[in-house]
């Protein structure tokens, strides 16, 4: 587990056993992930923003396919790695500047939902 995540967890929950349990559950969830059927993806009616990094865990091709299946969706593929574009805690040292345009993009998307 990245040290930054470990430290942040222990600040809000000083139980190291809970940290290990969370880690193990996350790892198990990823290993046992079952794909969501296309019919369920296509049934999404809510405005949806799909955002990934071009070097993310999710491949750009997969994000494009999801975007095509969700009628009311927007897609953003940002240069960089997972979480970097929103200054995720483990990427803060990367000196990435993508958050300067991604955060306003997220706010704009959320504002659209508030004005409807």
PDB file of N, CA and C in Angstrom:
ATOM      1  N   UNK A   1       0.850  -1.174   0.000  1.00  0.00           N
ATOM      2  CA  UNK A   1       0.000   0.000   0.000  1.00  0.00           C
ATOM      3  C   UNK A   1       0.893   1.234   0.000  1.00  0.00           C
ATOM      4  N   UNK A   2       0.572   2.210  -0.843  1.00  0.00           N
ATOM      5  CA  UNK A   2       1.383   3.435  -0.839  1.00  0.00           C
ATOM      6  C   UNK A   2       1.397   4.083   0.550  1.00  0.00           C
ATOM      7  N   UNK A   3       2.556   4.529   0.957  1.00  0.00           N
ATOM      8  CA  UNK A   3       2.735   5.097   2.295  1.00  0.00           C
ATOM      9  C   UNK A   3       1.765   6.248   2.571  1.00  0.00           C
ATOM     10  N   UNK A   4       1.495   7.082   1.559  1.00  0.00           N
ATOM     11  CA  UNK A   4       0.591   8.216   1.744  1.00  0.00           C
ATOM     12  C   UNK A   4      -0.822   7.750   2.117  1.00  0.00           C
ATOM     13  N   UNK A   5      -1.278   6.678   1.483  1.00  0.00           N
ATOM     14  CA  UNK A   5      -2.611   6.140   1.798  1.00  0.00           C
ATOM     15  C   UNK A   5      -2.635   5.526   3.193  1.00  0.00           C
ATOM     16  N   UNK A   6      -1.572   4.830   3.531  1.00  0.00           N
ATOM     17  CA  UNK A   6      -1.473   4.226   4.861  1.00  0.00           C
ATOM     18  C   UNK A   6      -1.527   5.312   5.942  1.00  0.00           C
ATOM     19  N   UNK A   7      -0.748   6.378   5.770  1.00  0.00           N
ATOM     20  CA  UNK A   7      -0.724   7.460   6.754  1.00  0.00           C
ATOM     21  C   UNK A   7      -2.090   8.139   6.864  1.00  0.00           C
ATOM     22  N   UNK A   8      -2.729   8.389   5.725  1.00  0.00           N
ATOM     23  CA  UNK A   8      -4.038   9.045   5.742  1.00  0.00           C
ATOM     24  C   UNK A   8      -5.069   8.158   6.446  1.00  0.00           C
ATOM     25  N   UNK A   9      -5.044   6.861   6.188  1.00  0.00           N
ATOM     26  CA  UNK A   9      -5.978   5.942   6.840  1.00  0.00           C
ATOM     27  C   UNK A   9      -5.771   5.960   8.348  1.00  0.00           C
ATOM     28  N   UNK A  10      -4.525   5.872   8.775  1.00  0.00           N
ATOM     29  CA  UNK A  10      -4.239   5.796  10.205  1.00  0.00           C
ATOM     30  C   UNK A  10      -4.561   7.106  10.930  1.00  0.00           C
ATOM     31  N   UNK A  11      -4.663   8.202  10.210  1.00  0.00           N
ATOM     32  CA  UNK A  11      -5.065   9.463  10.832  1.00  0.00           C
ATOM     33  C   UNK A  11      -6.544   9.451  11.218  1.00  0.00           C
ATOM     34  N   UNK A  12      -7.354   8.760  10.442  1.00  0.00           N
ATOM     35  CA  UNK A  12      -8.793   8.737  10.737  1.00  0.00           C
ATOM     36  C   UNK A  12      -9.226   7.461  11.457  1.00  0.00           C
ATOM     37  N   UNK A  13      -8.406   6.437  11.399  1.00  0.00           N
ATOM     38  CA  UNK A  13      -8.716   5.192  12.083  1.00  0.00           C
ATOM     39  C   UNK A  13      -7.403   4.552  12.531  1.00  0.00           C
ATOM     40  N   UNK A  14      -7.047   4.717  13.795  1.00  0.00           N
ATOM     41  CA  UNK A  14      -5.740   4.253  14.255  1.00  0.00           C
ATOM     42  C   UNK A  14      -5.604   2.732  14.414  1.00  0.00           C
ATOM     43  N   UNK A  15      -6.481   1.969  13.791  1.00  0.00           N
ATOM     44  CA  UNK A  15      -6.450   0.512  13.917  1.00  0.00           C
ATOM     45  C   UNK A  15      -5.733  -0.102  12.715  1.00  0.00           C
ATOM     46  N   UNK A  16      -4.473  -0.512  12.873  1.00  0.00           N
ATOM     47  CA  UNK A  16      -3.741  -1.108  11.747  1.00  0.00           C
ATOM     48  C   UNK A  16      -4.406  -2.377  11.195  1.00  0.00           C
ATOM     49  N   UNK A  17      -5.126  -3.112  12.038  1.00  0.00           N
ATOM     50  CA  UNK A  17      -5.814  -4.316  11.557  1.00  0.00           C
ATOM     51  C   UNK A  17      -6.902  -3.936  10.560  1.00  0.00           C
ATOM     52  N   UNK A  18      -7.570  -2.802  10.802  1.00  0.00           N
ATOM     53  CA  UNK A  18      -8.584  -2.324   9.869  1.00  0.00           C
ATOM     54  C   UNK A  18      -7.980  -1.944   8.539  1.00  0.00           C
ATOM     55  N   UNK A  19      -6.789  -1.368   8.566  1.00  0.00           N
ATOM     56  CA  UNK A  19      -6.081  -1.013   7.333  1.00  0.00           C
ATOM     57  C   UNK A  19      -5.786  -2.258   6.510  1.00  0.00           C
ATOM     58  N   UNK A  20      -5.301  -3.291   7.168  1.00  0.00           N
ATOM     59  CA  UNK A  20      -5.011  -4.541   6.453  1.00  0.00           C
ATOM     60  C   UNK A  20      -6.283  -5.165   5.905  1.00  0.00           C
ATOM     61  N   UNK A  21      -7.363  -5.126   6.683  1.00  0.00           N
ATOM     62  CA  UNK A  21      -8.639  -5.683   6.227  1.00  0.00           C
ATOM     63  C   UNK A  21      -9.139  -4.923   4.998  1.00  0.00           C
ATOM     64  N   UNK A  22      -9.033  -3.576   5.027  1.00  0.00           N
ATOM     65  CA  UNK A  22      -9.454  -2.779   3.871  1.00  0.00           C
ATOM     66  C   UNK A  22      -8.617  -3.132   2.640  1.00  0.00           C
ATOM     67  N   UNK A  23      -7.317  -3.237   2.835  1.00  0.00           N
ATOM     68  CA  UNK A  23      -6.422  -3.596   1.725  1.00  0.00           C
ATOM     69  C   UNK A  23      -6.804  -4.948   1.139  1.00  0.00           C
ATOM     70  N   UNK A  24      -7.017  -5.931   2.005  1.00  0.00           N
ATOM     71  CA  UNK A  24      -7.340  -7.282   1.538  1.00  0.00           C
ATOM     72  C   UNK A  24      -8.679  -7.319   0.799  1.00  0.00           C
ATOM     73  N   UNK A  25      -9.676  -6.580   1.307  1.00  0.00           N
ATOM     74  CA  UNK A  25     -10.977  -6.525   0.628  1.00  0.00           C
ATOM     75  C   UNK A  25     -10.844  -5.872  -0.741  1.00  0.00           C
ATOM     76  N   UNK A  26     -10.074  -4.789  -0.820  1.00  0.00           N
ATOM     77  CA  UNK A  26      -9.872  -4.112  -2.110  1.00  0.00           C
ATOM     78  C   UNK A  26      -9.189  -5.037  -3.108  1.00  0.00           C
ATOM     79  N   UNK A  27      -8.138  -5.723  -2.656  1.00  0.00           N
ATOM     80  CA  UNK A  27      -7.418  -6.633  -3.542  1.00  0.00           C
ATOM     81  C   UNK A  27      -8.328  -7.763  -4.021  1.00  0.00           C
ATOM     82  N   UNK A  28      -9.120  -8.330  -3.111  1.00  0.00           N
ATOM     83  CA  UNK A  28     -10.040  -9.414  -3.473  1.00  0.00           C
ATOM     84  C   UNK A  28     -11.077  -8.930  -4.479  1.00  0.00           C
ATOM     85  N   UNK A  29     -11.608  -7.710  -4.249  1.00  0.00           N
ATOM     86  CA  UNK A  29     -12.605  -7.152  -5.159  1.00  0.00           C
ATOM     87  C   UNK A  29     -12.020  -7.004  -6.569  1.00  0.00           C
ATOM     88  N   UNK A  30     -10.786  -6.551  -6.672  1.00  0.00           N
ATOM     89  CA  UNK A  30     -10.175  -6.374  -7.993  1.00  0.00           C
ATOM     90  C   UNK A  30      -9.927  -7.706  -8.681  1.00  0.00           C
ATOM     91  N   UNK A  31      -9.440  -8.674  -7.933  1.00  0.00           N
ATOM     92  CA  UNK A  31      -9.148  -9.992  -8.509  1.00  0.00           C
ATOM     93  C   UNK A  31     -10.420 -10.692  -8.965  1.00  0.00           C
ATOM     94  N   UNK A  32     -11.508 -10.527  -8.208  1.00  0.00           N
ATOM     95  CA  UNK A  32     -12.754 -11.232  -8.501  1.00  0.00           C
ATOM     96  C   UNK A  32     -13.779 -10.390  -9.247  1.00  0.00           C
ATOM     97  N   UNK A  33     -13.365  -9.263  -9.796  1.00  0.00           N
ATOM     98  CA  UNK A  33     -14.306  -8.371 -10.470  1.00  0.00           C
ATOM     99  C   UNK A  33     -14.998  -9.083 -11.626  1.00  0.00           C
ATOM    100  N   UNK A  34     -16.311  -8.944 -11.666  1.00  0.00           N
ATOM    101  CA  UNK A  34     -17.113  -9.494 -12.759  1.00  0.00           C
ATOM    102  C   UNK A  34     -17.556  -8.331 -13.637  1.00  0.00           C
ATOM    103  N   UNK A  35     -17.379  -8.475 -14.928  1.00  0.00           N
ATOM    104  CA  UNK A  35     -17.752  -7.424 -15.852  1.00  0.00           C
ATOM    105  C   UNK A  35     -19.252  -7.153 -15.770  1.00  0.00           C
ATOM    106  N   UNK A  36     -19.620  -5.915 -15.990  1.00  0.00           N
ATOM    107  CA  UNK A  36     -21.026  -5.522 -15.984  1.00  0.00           C
ATOM    108  C   UNK A  36     -21.579  -5.777 -17.385  1.00  0.00           C
ATOM    109  N   UNK A  37     -22.686  -6.477 -17.491  1.00  0.00           N
ATOM    110  CA  UNK A  37     -23.242  -6.778 -18.824  1.00  0.00           C
ATOM    111  C   UNK A  37     -23.560  -5.496 -19.608  1.00  0.00           C
ATOM    112  N   UNK A  38     -23.357  -5.543 -20.919  1.00  0.00           N
ATOM    113  CA  UNK A  38     -23.623  -4.388 -21.785  1.00  0.00           C
ATOM    114  C   UNK A  38     -25.036  -3.852 -21.602  1.00  0.00           C
ATOM    115  N   UNK A  39     -26.011  -4.741 -21.398  1.00  0.00           N
ATOM    116  CA  UNK A  39     -27.398  -4.305 -21.236  1.00  0.00           C
ATOM    117  C   UNK A  39     -27.545  -3.374 -20.032  1.00  0.00           C
ATOM    118  N   UNK A  40     -26.823  -3.682 -18.950  1.00  0.00           N
ATOM    119  CA  UNK A  40     -26.889  -2.822 -17.767  1.00  0.00           C
ATOM    120  C   UNK A  40     -26.210  -1.476 -18.029  1.00  0.00           C
ATOM    121  N   UNK A  41     -25.090  -1.498 -18.714  1.00  0.00           N
ATOM    122  CA  UNK A  41     -24.392  -0.248 -19.043  1.00  0.00           C
ATOM    123  C   UNK A  41     -25.297   0.610 -19.925  1.00  0.00           C
ATOM    124  N   UNK A  42     -25.906   0.007 -20.925  1.00  0.00           N
ATOM    125  CA  UNK A  42     -26.780   0.744 -21.843  1.00  0.00           C
ATOM    126  C   UNK A  42     -28.020   1.295 -21.154  1.00  0.00           C
ATOM    127  N   UNK A  43     -28.409   0.721 -20.023  1.00  0.00           N
ATOM    128  CA  UNK A  43     -29.618   1.170 -19.325  1.00  0.00           C
ATOM    129  C   UNK A  43     -29.376   2.423 -18.469  1.00  0.00           C
ATOM    130  N   UNK A  44     -28.147   2.858 -18.344  1.00  0.00           N
ATOM    131  CA  UNK A  44     -27.851   4.051 -17.541  1.00  0.00           C
ATOM    132  C   UNK A  44     -28.454   5.268 -18.230  1.00  0.00           C
ATOM    133  N   UNK A  45     -29.286   5.993 -17.505  1.00  0.00           N
ATOM    134  CA  UNK A  45     -29.965   7.174 -18.058  1.00  0.00           C
ATOM    135  C   UNK A  45     -29.416   8.478 -17.487  1.00  0.00           C
ATOM    136  N   UNK A  46     -28.742   8.408 -16.367  1.00  0.00           N
ATOM    137  CA  UNK A  46     -28.227   9.614 -15.712  1.00  0.00           C
ATOM    138  C   UNK A  46     -27.072  10.207 -16.517  1.00  0.00           C
ATOM    139  N   UNK A  47     -26.941  11.529 -16.495  1.00  0.00           N
ATOM    140  CA  UNK A  47     -25.752  12.135 -17.106  1.00  0.00           C
ATOM    141  C   UNK A  47     -24.506  11.506 -16.478  1.00  0.00           C
ATOM    142  N   UNK A  48     -23.581  11.127 -17.311  1.00  0.00           N
ATOM    143  CA  UNK A  48     -22.417  10.370 -16.856  1.00  0.00           C
ATOM    144  C   UNK A  48     -21.145  10.976 -17.430  1.00  0.00           C
ATOM    145  N   UNK A  49     -20.154  11.179 -16.570  1.00  0.00           N
ATOM    146  CA  UNK A  49     -18.837  11.621 -17.013  1.00  0.00           C
ATOM    147  C   UNK A  49     -17.875  10.471 -16.807  1.00  0.00           C
ATOM    148  N   UNK A  50     -17.297  10.012 -17.887  1.00  0.00           N
ATOM    149  CA  UNK A  50     -16.291   8.955 -17.837  1.00  0.00           C
ATOM    150  C   UNK A  50     -14.958   9.665 -17.992  1.00  0.00           C
ATOM    151  N   UNK A  51     -14.094   9.514 -17.001  1.00  0.00           N
ATOM    152  CA  UNK A  51     -12.803  10.183 -17.038  1.00  0.00           C
ATOM    153  C   UNK A  51     -11.709   9.207 -16.627  1.00  0.00           C
ATOM    154  N   UNK A  52     -10.690   9.110 -17.455  1.00  0.00           N
ATOM    155  CA  UNK A  52      -9.558   8.227 -17.175  1.00  0.00           C
ATOM    156  C   UNK A  52      -8.282   8.937 -17.625  1.00  0.00           C
ATOM    157  N   UNK A  53      -7.160   8.387 -17.219  1.00  0.00           N
ATOM    158  CA  UNK A  53      -5.871   8.837 -17.728  1.00  0.00           C
ATOM    159  C   UNK A  53      -5.478   7.928 -18.887  1.00  0.00           C
ATOM    160  N   UNK A  54      -4.669   8.450 -19.785  1.00  0.00           N
ATOM    161  CA  UNK A  54      -4.287   7.625 -20.933  1.00  0.00           C
ATOM    162  C   UNK A  54      -3.361   6.475 -20.540  1.00  0.00           C
ATOM    163  N   UNK A  55      -2.781   6.536 -19.326  1.00  0.00           N
ATOM    164  CA  UNK A  55      -1.958   5.436 -18.815  1.00  0.00           C
ATOM    165  C   UNK A  55      -2.583   4.846 -17.554  1.00  0.00           C
ATOM    166  N   UNK A  56      -3.913   4.813 -17.525  1.00  0.00           N
ATOM    167  CA  UNK A  56      -4.681   4.364 -16.365  1.00  0.00           C
ATOM    168  C   UNK A  56      -4.825   2.848 -16.378  1.00  0.00           C
ATOM    169  N   UNK A  57      -5.451   2.328 -15.334  1.00  0.00           N
ATOM    170  CA  UNK A  57      -5.767   0.903 -15.261  1.00  0.00           C
ATOM    171  C   UNK A  57      -6.771   0.557 -16.362  1.00  0.00           C
ATOM    172  N   UNK A  58      -7.787   1.382 -16.508  1.00  0.00           N
ATOM    173  CA  UNK A  58      -8.778   1.207 -17.573  1.00  0.00           C
ATOM    174  C   UNK A  58      -8.159   1.669 -18.891  1.00  0.00           C
ATOM    175  N   UNK A  59      -8.258   0.855 -19.893  1.00  0.00           N
ATOM    176  CA  UNK A  59      -7.710   1.191 -21.206  1.00  0.00           C
ATOM    177  C   UNK A  59      -8.606   2.203 -21.917  1.00  0.00           C
ATOM    178  N   UNK A  60      -8.025   3.138 -22.671  1.00  0.00           N
ATOM    179  CA  UNK A  60      -8.845   4.110 -23.404  1.00  0.00           C
ATOM    180  C   UNK A  60      -9.918   3.456 -24.275  1.00  0.00           C
ATOM    181  N   UNK A  61      -9.605   2.348 -24.900  1.00  0.00           N
ATOM    182  CA  UNK A  61     -10.573   1.657 -25.758  1.00  0.00           C
ATOM    183  C   UNK A  61     -11.813   1.240 -24.966  1.00  0.00           C
ATOM    184  N   UNK A  62     -11.603   0.819 -23.734  1.00  0.00           N
ATOM    185  CA  UNK A  62     -12.725   0.409 -22.887  1.00  0.00           C
ATOM    186  C   UNK A  62     -13.568   1.624 -22.511  1.00  0.00           C
ATOM    187  N   UNK A  63     -12.915   2.729 -22.182  1.00  0.00           N
ATOM    188  CA  UNK A  63     -13.649   3.950 -21.835  1.00  0.00           C
ATOM    189  C   UNK A  63     -14.461   4.445 -23.027  1.00  0.00           C
ATOM    190  N   UNK A  64     -13.897   4.354 -24.218  1.00  0.00           N
ATOM    191  CA  UNK A  64     -14.619   4.767 -25.432  1.00  0.00           C
ATOM    192  C   UNK A  64     -15.841   3.884 -25.633  1.00  0.00           C
ATOM    193  N   UNK A  65     -15.694   2.596 -25.427  1.00  0.00           N
ATOM    194  CA  UNK A  65     -16.828   1.672 -25.573  1.00  0.00           C
ATOM    195  C   UNK A  65     -17.922   1.985 -24.563  1.00  0.00           C
ATOM    196  N   UNK A  66     -17.542   2.261 -23.316  1.00  0.00           N
ATOM    197  CA  UNK A  66     -18.550   2.625 -22.314  1.00  0.00           C
ATOM    198  C   UNK A  66     -19.257   3.914 -22.726  1.00  0.00           C
ATOM    199  N   UNK A  67     -18.501   4.885 -23.202  1.00  0.00           N
ATOM    200  CA  UNK A  67     -19.080   6.157 -23.643  1.00  0.00           C
ATOM    201  C   UNK A  67     -20.103   5.922 -24.760  1.00  0.00           C
ATOM    202  N   UNK A  68     -19.791   5.042 -25.673  1.00  0.00           N
ATOM    203  CA  UNK A  68     -20.716   4.745 -26.775  1.00  0.00           C
ATOM    204  C   UNK A  68     -21.980   4.046 -26.286  1.00  0.00           C
ATOM    205  N   UNK A  69     -21.888   3.306 -25.199  1.00  0.00           N
ATOM    206  CA  UNK A  69     -23.040   2.565 -24.687  1.00  0.00           C
ATOM    207  C   UNK A  69     -23.938   3.387 -23.766  1.00  0.00           C
ATOM    208  N   UNK A  70     -23.405   4.448 -23.174  1.00  0.00           N
ATOM    209  CA  UNK A  70     -24.187   5.272 -22.248  1.00  0.00           C
ATOM    210  C   UNK A  70     -24.631   6.518 -22.999  1.00  0.00           C
ATOM    211  N   UNK A  71     -25.925   6.583 -23.270  1.00  0.00           N
ATOM    212  CA  UNK A  71     -26.465   7.616 -24.160  1.00  0.00           C
ATOM    213  C   UNK A  71     -26.158   9.034 -23.704  1.00  0.00           C
ATOM    214  N   UNK A  72     -26.231   9.303 -22.441  1.00  0.00           N
ATOM    215  CA  UNK A  72     -26.074  10.668 -21.946  1.00  0.00           C
ATOM    216  C   UNK A  72     -24.716  10.830 -21.264  1.00  0.00           C
ATOM    217  N   UNK A  73     -23.647  10.404 -21.947  1.00  0.00           N
ATOM    218  CA  UNK A  73     -22.330  10.438 -21.312  1.00  0.00           C
ATOM    219  C   UNK A  73     -21.376  11.385 -22.010  1.00  0.00           C
ATOM    220  N   UNK A  74     -20.384  11.798 -21.245  1.00  0.00           N
ATOM    221  CA  UNK A  74     -19.270  12.578 -21.755  1.00  0.00           C
ATOM    222  C   UNK A  74     -18.007  11.786 -21.445  1.00  0.00           C
ATOM    223  N   UNK A  75     -16.978  11.968 -22.243  1.00  0.00           N
ATOM    224  CA  UNK A  75     -15.736  11.213 -22.074  1.00  0.00           C
ATOM    225  C   UNK A  75     -14.556  12.162 -22.074  1.00  0.00           C
ATOM    226  N   UNK A  76     -13.665  11.965 -21.110  1.00  0.00           N
ATOM    227  CA  UNK A  76     -12.411  12.717 -21.063  1.00  0.00           C
ATOM    228  C   UNK A  76     -11.278  11.734 -20.814  1.00  0.00           C
ATOM    229  N   UNK A  77     -10.298  11.750 -21.696  1.00  0.00           N
ATOM    230  CA  UNK A  77      -9.090  10.947 -21.512  1.00  0.00           C
ATOM    231  C   UNK A  77      -7.949  11.943 -21.337  1.00  0.00           C
ATOM    232  N   UNK A  78      -7.373  11.937 -20.141  1.00  0.00           N
ATOM    233  CA  UNK A  78      -6.402  12.935 -19.729  1.00  0.00           C
ATOM    234  C   UNK A  78      -4.993  12.336 -19.776  1.00  0.00           C
ATOM    235  N   UNK A  79      -4.003  13.091 -20.228  1.00  0.00           N
ATOM    236  CA  UNK A  79      -2.627  12.578 -20.198  1.00  0.00           C
ATOM    237  C   UNK A  79      -2.193  12.275 -18.766  1.00  0.00           C
ATOM    238  N   UNK A  80      -1.502  11.177 -18.587  1.00  0.00           N
ATOM    239  CA  UNK A  80      -0.956  10.868 -17.268  1.00  0.00           C
ATOM    240  C   UNK A  80      -1.313   9.494 -16.775  1.00  0.00           C
ATOM    241  N   UNK A  81      -1.231   9.347 -15.455  1.00  0.00           N
ATOM    242  CA  UNK A  81      -1.476   8.059 -14.806  1.00  0.00           C
ATOM    243  C   UNK A  81      -2.673   8.164 -13.874  1.00  0.00           C
ATOM    244  N   UNK A  82      -3.121   7.031 -13.389  1.00  0.00           N
ATOM    245  CA  UNK A  82      -4.303   6.921 -12.529  1.00  0.00           C
ATOM    246  C   UNK A  82      -4.269   7.935 -11.383  1.00  0.00           C
ATOM    247  N   UNK A  83      -5.311   8.741 -11.285  1.00  0.00           N
ATOM    248  CA  UNK A  83      -5.467   9.669 -10.178  1.00  0.00           C
ATOM    249  C   UNK A  83      -4.681  10.956 -10.271  1.00  0.00           C
ATOM    250  N   UNK A  84      -3.687  10.998 -11.127  1.00  0.00           N
ATOM    251  CA  UNK A  84      -2.825  12.172 -11.227  1.00  0.00           C
ATOM    252  C   UNK A  84      -3.611  13.420 -11.612  1.00  0.00           C
ATOM    253  N   UNK A  85      -4.592  13.258 -12.485  1.00  0.00           N
ATOM    254  CA  UNK A  85      -5.352  14.386 -13.005  1.00  0.00           C
ATOM    255  C   UNK A  85      -6.279  15.036 -11.978  1.00  0.00           C
ATOM    256  N   UNK A  86      -6.478  14.389 -10.827  1.00  0.00           N
ATOM    257  CA  UNK A  86      -7.253  15.012  -9.742  1.00  0.00           C
ATOM    258  C   UNK A  86      -6.408  15.133  -8.473  1.00  0.00           C
ATOM    259  N   UNK A  87      -5.105  15.051  -8.640  1.00  0.00           N
ATOM    260  CA  UNK A  87      -4.156  15.183  -7.535  1.00  0.00           C
ATOM    261  C   UNK A  87      -4.413  14.175  -6.424  1.00  0.00           C
ATOM    262  N   UNK A  88      -4.636  12.935  -6.829  1.00  0.00           N
ATOM    263  CA  UNK A  88      -4.796  11.844  -5.875  1.00  0.00           C
ATOM    264  C   UNK A  88      -3.534  11.799  -5.016  1.00  0.00           C
ATOM    265  N   UNK A  89      -3.693  11.462  -3.757  1.00  0.00           N
ATOM    266  CA  UNK A  89      -2.639  11.623  -2.759  1.00  0.00           C
ATOM    267  C   UNK A  89      -1.305  10.973  -3.146  1.00  0.00           C
ATOM    268  N   UNK A  90      -1.324   9.846  -3.831  1.00  0.00           N
ATOM    269  CA  UNK A  90      -0.056   9.181  -4.170  1.00  0.00           C
ATOM    270  C   UNK A  90       0.623   9.796  -5.387  1.00  0.00           C
ATOM    271  N   UNK A  91      -0.036  10.748  -6.043  1.00  0.00           N
ATOM    272  CA  UNK A  91       0.569  11.367  -7.235  1.00  0.00           C
ATOM    273  C   UNK A  91       0.916  12.836  -7.016  1.00  0.00           C
ATOM    274  N   UNK A  92       0.790  13.327  -5.810  1.00  0.00           N
ATOM    275  CA  UNK A  92       1.025  14.747  -5.549  1.00  0.00           C
ATOM    276  C   UNK A  92       2.453  15.194  -5.879  1.00  0.00           C
ATOM    277  N   UNK A  93       3.403  14.286  -5.815  1.00  0.00           N
ATOM    278  CA  UNK A  93       4.798  14.645  -6.076  1.00  0.00           C
ATOM    279  C   UNK A  93       5.138  14.646  -7.563  1.00  0.00           C
ATOM    280  N   UNK A  94       4.175  14.363  -8.410  1.00  0.00           N
ATOM    281  CA  UNK A  94       4.465  14.250  -9.841  1.00  0.00           C
ATOM    282  C   UNK A  94       4.592  15.600 -10.534  1.00  0.00           C
ATOM    283  N   UNK A  95       4.176  16.670  -9.870  1.00  0.00           N
ATOM    284  CA  UNK A  95       4.170  18.012 -10.464  1.00  0.00           C
ATOM    285  C   UNK A  95       3.269  18.107 -11.687  1.00  0.00           C
ATOM    286  N   UNK A  96       2.283  17.245 -11.766  1.00  0.00           N
ATOM    287  CA  UNK A  96       1.314  17.282 -12.850  1.00  0.00           C
ATOM    288  C   UNK A  96       0.483  18.550 -12.749  1.00  0.00           C
ATOM    289  N   UNK A  97       0.141  19.115 -13.877  1.00  0.00           N
ATOM    290  CA  UNK A  97      -0.686  20.331 -13.911  1.00  0.00           C
ATOM    291  C   UNK A  97      -2.090  20.042 -14.446  1.00  0.00           C
ATOM    292  N   UNK A  98      -2.396  18.785 -14.740  1.00  0.00           N
ATOM    293  CA  UNK A  98      -3.680  18.437 -15.331  1.00  0.00           C
ATOM    294  C   UNK A  98      -4.861  18.823 -14.448  1.00  0.00           C
ATOM    295  N   UNK A  99      -4.692  18.782 -13.126  1.00  0.00           N
ATOM    296  CA  UNK A  99      -5.793  19.117 -12.222  1.00  0.00           C
ATOM    297  C   UNK A  99      -6.283  20.546 -12.432  1.00  0.00           C
ATOM    298  N   UNK A 100      -5.405  21.415 -12.928  1.00  0.00           N
ATOM    299  CA  UNK A 100      -5.796  22.809 -13.152  1.00  0.00           C
ATOM    300  C   UNK A 100      -6.902  22.940 -14.203  1.00  0.00           C
ATOM    301  N   UNK A 101      -6.991  21.979 -15.120  1.00  0.00           N
ATOM    302  CA  UNK A 101      -8.104  22.025 -16.077  1.00  0.00           C
ATOM    303  C   UNK A 101      -9.126  20.924 -15.830  1.00  0.00           C
ATOM    304  N   UNK A 102      -8.744  19.867 -15.146  1.00  0.00           N
ATOM    305  CA  UNK A 102      -9.692  18.776 -14.889  1.00  0.00           C
ATOM    306  C   UNK A 102     -10.691  19.155 -13.797  1.00  0.00           C
ATOM    307  N   UNK A 103     -10.243  19.781 -12.736  1.00  0.00           N
ATOM    308  CA  UNK A 103     -11.151  20.153 -11.648  1.00  0.00           C
ATOM    309  C   UNK A 103     -12.248  21.087 -12.169  1.00  0.00           C
ATOM    310  N   UNK A 104     -11.924  22.159 -12.926  1.00  0.00           N
ATOM    311  CA  UNK A 104     -13.009  22.975 -13.492  1.00  0.00           C
ATOM    312  C   UNK A 104     -13.936  22.187 -14.423  1.00  0.00           C
ATOM    313  N   UNK A 105     -13.383  21.207 -15.152  1.00  0.00           N
ATOM    314  CA  UNK A 105     -14.214  20.377 -16.016  1.00  0.00           C
ATOM    315  C   UNK A 105     -15.201  19.562 -15.172  1.00  0.00           C
ATOM    316  N   UNK A 106     -14.737  19.001 -14.063  1.00  0.00           N
ATOM    317  CA  UNK A 106     -15.617  18.251 -13.160  1.00  0.00           C
ATOM    318  C   UNK A 106     -16.687  19.166 -12.564  1.00  0.00           C
ATOM    319  N   UNK A 107     -16.275  20.346 -12.138  1.00  0.00           N
ATOM    320  CA  UNK A 107     -17.236  21.294 -11.568  1.00  0.00           C
ATOM    321  C   UNK A 107     -18.294  21.685 -12.597  1.00  0.00           C
ATOM    322  N   UNK A 108     -17.873  21.906 -13.830  1.00  0.00           N
ATOM    323  CA  UNK A 108     -18.815  22.257 -14.896  1.00  0.00           C
ATOM    324  C   UNK A 108     -19.821  21.127 -15.125  1.00  0.00           C
ATOM    325  N   UNK A 109     -19.337  19.893 -15.155  1.00  0.00           N
ATOM    326  CA  UNK A 109     -20.224  18.742 -15.335  1.00  0.00           C
ATOM    327  C   UNK A 109     -21.233  18.669 -14.192  1.00  0.00           C
ATOM    328  N   UNK A 110     -20.766  18.840 -12.967  1.00  0.00           N
ATOM    329  CA  UNK A 110     -21.666  18.782 -11.815  1.00  0.00           C
ATOM    330  C   UNK A 110     -22.646  19.953 -11.813  1.00  0.00           C
ATOM    331  N   UNK A 111     -22.199  21.125 -12.235  1.00  0.00           N
ATOM    332  CA  UNK A 111     -23.095  22.289 -12.309  1.00  0.00           C
ATOM    333  C   UNK A 111     -24.223  22.066 -13.301  1.00  0.00           C
ATOM    334  N   UNK A 112     -23.946  21.378 -14.396  1.00  0.00           N
ATOM    335  CA  UNK A 112     -24.994  21.088 -15.379  1.00  0.00           C
ATOM    336  C   UNK A 112     -26.131  20.307 -14.724  1.00  0.00           C
ATOM    337  N   UNK A 113     -25.793  19.397 -13.838  1.00  0.00           N
ATOM    338  CA  UNK A 113     -26.800  18.609 -13.139  1.00  0.00           C
ATOM    339  C   UNK A 113     -27.619  19.429 -12.160  1.00  0.00           C
ATOM    340  N   UNK A 114     -27.024  20.467 -11.615  1.00  0.00           N
ATOM    341  CA  UNK A 114     -27.726  21.318 -10.648  1.00  0.00           C
ATOM    342  C   UNK A 114     -28.694  22.282 -11.325  1.00  0.00           C
ATOM    343  N   UNK A 115     -28.424  22.638 -12.570  1.00  0.00           N
ATOM    344  CA  UNK A 115     -29.232  23.648 -13.239  1.00  0.00           C
ATOM    345  C   UNK A 115     -30.406  23.046 -13.994  1.00  0.00           C
ATOM    346  N   UNK A 116     -30.517  21.745 -14.010  1.00  0.00           N
ATOM    347  CA  UNK A 116     -31.632  21.108 -14.735  1.00  0.00           C
ATOM    348  C   UNK A 116     -32.858  21.047 -13.884  1.00  0.00           C
TER     349      UNK A 116
END
